[in-house]
Protein backbone atom coordinates (compact mmCIF):
# COMPACT_ATOMS: atom_id res chain seq x y z
CA UNK A 1 85.69 98.35 88.92
CA UNK A 2 83.03 96.70 86.85
CA UNK A 3 81.06 98.23 84.03
CA UNK A 4 78.10 95.86 83.86
CA UNK A 5 75.21 95.35 86.24
CA UNK A 6 74.93 91.90 87.74
CA UNK A 7 74.11 90.44 91.13
CA UNK A 8 77.79 90.39 92.12
CA UNK A 9 78.26 94.14 91.73
CA UNK A 10 77.52 97.02 94.05
CA UNK A 11 75.77 100.02 92.54
CA UNK A 12 76.66 103.32 94.19
CA UNK A 13 74.81 106.58 93.76
CA UNK A 14 77.27 109.28 94.83
CA UNK A 15 75.92 112.63 95.98
CA UNK A 16 78.03 115.79 96.05
CA UNK A 17 77.51 118.61 98.55
CA UNK A 18 75.88 120.55 95.69
CA UNK A 19 73.24 117.82 95.44
CA UNK A 20 74.40 116.51 92.07
CA UNK A 21 74.35 112.72 91.76
CA UNK A 22 75.94 110.07 89.58
CA UNK A 23 75.61 106.28 89.58
CA UNK A 24 78.68 104.01 89.45
CA UNK A 25 79.08 100.23 89.55
CA UNK A 26 81.84 98.53 91.58
CA UNK A 27 82.96 95.14 92.80
CA UNK A 28 82.45 94.25 96.48
CA UNK A 29 86.27 93.96 96.64
CA UNK A 30 86.81 97.61 95.71
CA UNK A 31 88.08 99.82 98.53
CA UNK A 32 87.17 103.42 99.29
CA UNK A 33 90.56 104.50 97.87
CA UNK A 34 89.96 102.58 94.63
CA UNK A 35 86.47 104.07 94.31
CA UNK A 36 87.80 107.61 94.81
CA UNK A 37 90.48 107.00 92.17
CA UNK A 38 87.93 105.60 89.70
CA UNK A 39 85.55 108.54 90.22
CA UNK A 40 88.42 111.04 89.83
CA UNK A 41 89.58 109.37 86.59
CA UNK A 42 85.99 109.21 85.27
CA UNK A 43 84.74 112.56 86.59
CA UNK A 44 81.14 113.04 85.35
CA UNK A 45 80.51 115.74 82.76
CA UNK A 46 77.97 117.54 84.96
CA UNK A 47 80.36 117.85 87.89
CA UNK A 48 82.93 120.26 86.36
CA UNK A 49 82.35 122.96 88.98
CA UNK A 50 83.12 120.50 91.78
CA UNK A 51 86.27 119.01 90.23
CA UNK A 52 89.23 118.33 92.52
CA UNK A 53 92.98 118.27 91.91
CA UNK A 54 93.66 114.79 93.28
CA UNK A 55 91.77 111.59 94.10
CA UNK A 56 93.47 111.53 97.50
CA UNK A 57 91.16 114.24 98.85
CA UNK A 58 87.93 112.51 97.80
CA UNK A 59 86.14 110.95 100.77
CA UNK A 60 83.10 108.72 100.92
CA UNK A 61 80.51 109.08 103.67
CA UNK A 62 78.20 106.16 104.37
CA UNK A 63 75.56 106.23 107.11
CA UNK A 64 77.10 109.38 108.58
CA UNK A 65 80.65 108.01 108.81
CA UNK A 66 83.74 108.68 106.72
CA UNK A 67 85.06 105.52 105.08
CA UNK A 68 88.78 105.03 105.53
CA UNK A 69 90.76 104.08 102.44
CA UNK A 70 91.11 100.35 102.95
CA UNK A 71 87.44 99.64 103.71
CA UNK A 72 85.87 97.53 100.94
CA UNK A 73 82.26 97.61 99.85
CA UNK A 74 81.99 93.93 100.77
CA UNK A 75 83.06 94.71 104.35
CA UNK A 76 80.11 97.11 104.58
CA UNK A 77 77.77 94.25 103.64
CA UNK A 78 76.07 96.34 100.97
CA UNK A 79 73.32 94.50 99.11
CA UNK A 80 74.70 93.28 95.76
CA UNK A 81 72.73 94.28 92.68
CA UNK A 82 70.97 97.14 94.50
CA UNK A 83 71.82 100.84 94.59
CA UNK A 84 73.40 102.25 97.74
CA UNK A 85 73.66 106.00 98.29
CA UNK A 86 76.88 107.58 99.61
CA UNK A 87 78.10 111.15 99.85
CA UNK A 88 81.31 112.19 98.12
CA UNK A 89 83.19 115.14 99.59
CA UNK A 90 86.59 116.78 99.16
CA UNK A 91 88.49 116.72 102.43
CA UNK A 92 92.23 116.63 103.09
CA UNK A 93 92.17 114.54 106.28
CA UNK A 94 89.81 112.23 108.08
CA UNK A 95 88.98 112.20 111.76
CA UNK A 96 90.52 109.29 113.62
CA UNK A 97 88.15 106.34 114.04
CA UNK A 98 85.96 106.81 117.12
CA UNK A 99 87.75 110.06 118.03
CA UNK A 100 84.47 111.96 118.42
CA UNK A 101 82.95 109.23 120.57
CA UNK A 102 86.10 109.03 122.67
CA UNK A 103 86.01 112.77 123.36
CA UNK A 104 82.39 112.53 124.43
CA UNK A 105 83.19 109.66 126.81
CA UNK A 106 86.09 111.60 128.29
CA UNK A 107 83.89 114.61 128.88
CA UNK A 108 81.23 112.57 130.65
CA UNK A 109 83.74 110.89 132.97
CA UNK A 110 85.34 114.14 134.06
CA UNK A 111 84.00 115.55 137.25
CA UNK A 112 83.76 119.24 137.75
CA UNK A 113 83.73 120.31 141.31
CA UNK A 114 84.56 123.38 143.28
CA UNK A 115 87.33 123.82 145.76
CA UNK A 116 86.00 125.21 149.00
CA UNK A 117 88.36 127.38 151.03
């Protein structure tokens, strides 16, 4: 994690479910797991009511999708030097990638018909 603002950093504004926000600065090489750990270890003073017991349950949501632990900010092609907004939530597990889309596809390919006697 970096502490200074420069064109090679990614600025994140994290939003909690409560609506509280905090800005953080990271390297494009930082992963979602590393970001969660950094936020947990540097929990903002105004977020006491939302504190969690472990960084492992902190999840980032970007553009409506949960970020899995190994995804880096660079892989998301976030604009360096600009602020990107993400949601931060406490959740034990993540849905499998594309699991929701797969269920929808399965439902649309099933045929429902009646058996005539």
